[in-house]
């Protein structure tokens, strides 16, 4: 379902833009170009949100590793389970 929201909506907007480019007159061509641009912006916004969420996960993992270091006096090994 999330893939439909992330990728389906921009694809549908871009398709509507292409249809307006092909079928529209002067105003349809302009609107088609705008819709294709909007589709790119929606896709870019989705990518930025996903990167932001991934960055938060990385920061949380780093904080857990620092807490582990404070408690055990060593940095955790790669793949070592850390308490949440």
C-alpha atoms as a PDB file:
ATOM      1  CA  UNK A   1       0.000   0.000   0.000  1.00  0.00           C
ATOM      2  CA  UNK A   2       2.856   2.404   0.815  1.00  0.00           C
ATOM      3  CA  UNK A   3       4.442   1.784  -2.573  1.00  0.00           C
ATOM      4  CA  UNK A   4       1.194   2.829  -4.188  1.00  0.00           C
ATOM      5  CA  UNK A   5       1.299   6.091  -2.266  1.00  0.00           C
ATOM      6  CA  UNK A   6       5.037   6.666  -2.773  1.00  0.00           C
ATOM      7  CA  UNK A   7       5.274   5.800  -6.447  1.00  0.00           C
ATOM      8  CA  UNK A   8       1.719   5.418  -7.731  1.00  0.00           C
ATOM      9  CA  UNK A   9       0.604   8.968  -7.092  1.00  0.00           C
ATOM     10  CA  UNK A  10       3.590  10.578  -8.883  1.00  0.00           C
ATOM     11  CA  UNK A  11       3.184   8.153 -11.792  1.00  0.00           C
ATOM     12  CA  UNK A  12      -0.517   8.966 -12.106  1.00  0.00           C
ATOM     13  CA  UNK A  13       0.199  12.703 -11.990  1.00  0.00           C
ATOM     14  CA  UNK A  14       2.901  12.306 -14.663  1.00  0.00           C
ATOM     15  CA  UNK A  15       0.566  10.235 -16.854  1.00  0.00           C
ATOM     16  CA  UNK A  16      -2.085  12.933 -16.596  1.00  0.00           C
ATOM     17  CA  UNK A  17       0.581  15.431 -17.655  1.00  0.00           C
ATOM     18  CA  UNK A  18       1.563  13.324 -20.653  1.00  0.00           C
ATOM     19  CA  UNK A  19      -2.088  12.989 -21.682  1.00  0.00           C
ATOM     20  CA  UNK A  20      -2.476  16.764 -21.516  1.00  0.00           C
ATOM     21  CA  UNK A  21       0.712  17.232 -23.538  1.00  0.00           C
ATOM     22  CA  UNK A  22      -0.528  14.927 -26.273  1.00  0.00           C
ATOM     23  CA  UNK A  23      -4.215  15.845 -26.337  1.00  0.00           C
ATOM     24  CA  UNK A  24      -4.244  19.448 -25.181  1.00  0.00           C
ATOM     25  CA  UNK A  25      -3.841  22.623 -27.115  1.00  0.00           C
ATOM     26  CA  UNK A  26      -1.774  25.557 -25.889  1.00  0.00           C
ATOM     27  CA  UNK A  27      -3.175  25.549 -22.370  1.00  0.00           C
ATOM     28  CA  UNK A  28      -3.115  21.735 -22.215  1.00  0.00           C
ATOM     29  CA  UNK A  29       0.578  21.694 -23.096  1.00  0.00           C
ATOM     30  CA  UNK A  30       1.405  24.141 -20.312  1.00  0.00           C
ATOM     31  CA  UNK A  31      -0.693  22.241 -17.802  1.00  0.00           C
ATOM     32  CA  UNK A  32       0.921  18.957 -18.873  1.00  0.00           C
ATOM     33  CA  UNK A  33       4.406  20.325 -18.287  1.00  0.00           C
ATOM     34  CA  UNK A  34       3.356  21.629 -14.867  1.00  0.00           C
ATOM     35  CA  UNK A  35       1.862  18.258 -13.896  1.00  0.00           C
ATOM     36  CA  UNK A  36       5.016  16.405 -14.920  1.00  0.00           C
ATOM     37  CA  UNK A  37       7.039  18.843 -12.810  1.00  0.00           C
ATOM     38  CA  UNK A  38       4.693  18.342  -9.865  1.00  0.00           C
ATOM     39  CA  UNK A  39       5.074  14.575 -10.189  1.00  0.00           C
ATOM     40  CA  UNK A  40       8.839  14.992  -9.933  1.00  0.00           C
ATOM     41  CA  UNK A  41       8.457  17.183  -6.854  1.00  0.00           C
ATOM     42  CA  UNK A  42       6.143  14.679  -5.151  1.00  0.00           C
ATOM     43  CA  UNK A  43       8.626  11.887  -5.836  1.00  0.00           C
ATOM     44  CA  UNK A  44      11.494  14.012  -4.536  1.00  0.00           C
ATOM     45  CA  UNK A  45       9.540  14.863  -1.371  1.00  0.00           C
ATOM     46  CA  UNK A  46       8.940  11.151  -0.779  1.00  0.00           C
ATOM     47  CA  UNK A  47      12.649  10.439  -1.148  1.00  0.00           C
ATOM     48  CA  UNK A  48      13.548  13.215   1.317  1.00  0.00           C
ATOM     49  CA  UNK A  49      11.070  11.901   3.883  1.00  0.00           C
ATOM     50  CA  UNK A  50      12.469   8.375   3.570  1.00  0.00           C
ATOM     51  CA  UNK A  51      16.040   9.643   3.960  1.00  0.00           C
ATOM     52  CA  UNK A  52      15.031  11.647   7.007  1.00  0.00           C
ATOM     53  CA  UNK A  53      13.450   8.617   8.672  1.00  0.00           C
ATOM     54  CA  UNK A  54      16.491   6.482   7.866  1.00  0.00           C
ATOM     55  CA  UNK A  55      18.729   9.143   9.384  1.00  0.00           C
ATOM     56  CA  UNK A  56      16.700   9.068  12.610  1.00  0.00           C
ATOM     57  CA  UNK A  57      17.159   5.281  12.805  1.00  0.00           C
ATOM     58  CA  UNK A  58      20.906   5.706  12.315  1.00  0.00           C
ATOM     59  CA  UNK A  59      21.051   8.279  15.111  1.00  0.00           C
ATOM     60  CA  UNK A  60      19.123   5.988  17.456  1.00  0.00           C
ATOM     61  CA  UNK A  61      21.507   3.104  16.687  1.00  0.00           C
ATOM     62  CA  UNK A  62      24.484   5.388  17.342  1.00  0.00           C
ATOM     63  CA  UNK A  63      23.005   6.452  20.668  1.00  0.00           C
ATOM     64  CA  UNK A  64      22.494   2.808  21.704  1.00  0.00           C
ATOM     65  CA  UNK A  65      26.111   2.052  20.752  1.00  0.00           C
ATOM     66  CA  UNK A  66      27.323   5.001  22.870  1.00  0.00           C
ATOM     67  CA  UNK A  67      25.264   3.806  25.826  1.00  0.00           C
ATOM     68  CA  UNK A  68      26.759   0.322  25.372  1.00  0.00           C
ATOM     69  CA  UNK A  69      30.252   1.846  25.326  1.00  0.00           C
ATOM     70  CA  UNK A  70      29.570   3.791  28.531  1.00  0.00           C
ATOM     71  CA  UNK A  71      28.351   0.650  30.268  1.00  0.00           C
ATOM     72  CA  UNK A  72      30.879  -1.923  28.979  1.00  0.00           C
ATOM     73  CA  UNK A  73      33.936   0.171  28.159  1.00  0.00           C
ATOM     74  CA  UNK A  74      34.146  -1.087  24.575  1.00  0.00           C
ATOM     75  CA  UNK A  75      32.431  -0.315  21.318  1.00  0.00           C
ATOM     76  CA  UNK A  76      29.893  -2.996  20.312  1.00  0.00           C
ATOM     77  CA  UNK A  77      30.921  -5.464  17.624  1.00  0.00           C
ATOM     78  CA  UNK A  78      29.202  -5.331  14.282  1.00  0.00           C
ATOM     79  CA  UNK A  79      25.954  -7.297  14.456  1.00  0.00           C
ATOM     80  CA  UNK A  80      25.964  -7.433  18.266  1.00  0.00           C
ATOM     81  CA  UNK A  81      22.480  -7.072  19.689  1.00  0.00           C
ATOM     82  CA  UNK A  82      22.088  -3.887  21.675  1.00  0.00           C
ATOM     83  CA  UNK A  83      19.272  -3.246  24.137  1.00  0.00           C
ATOM     84  CA  UNK A  84      16.675  -0.702  23.026  1.00  0.00           C
END
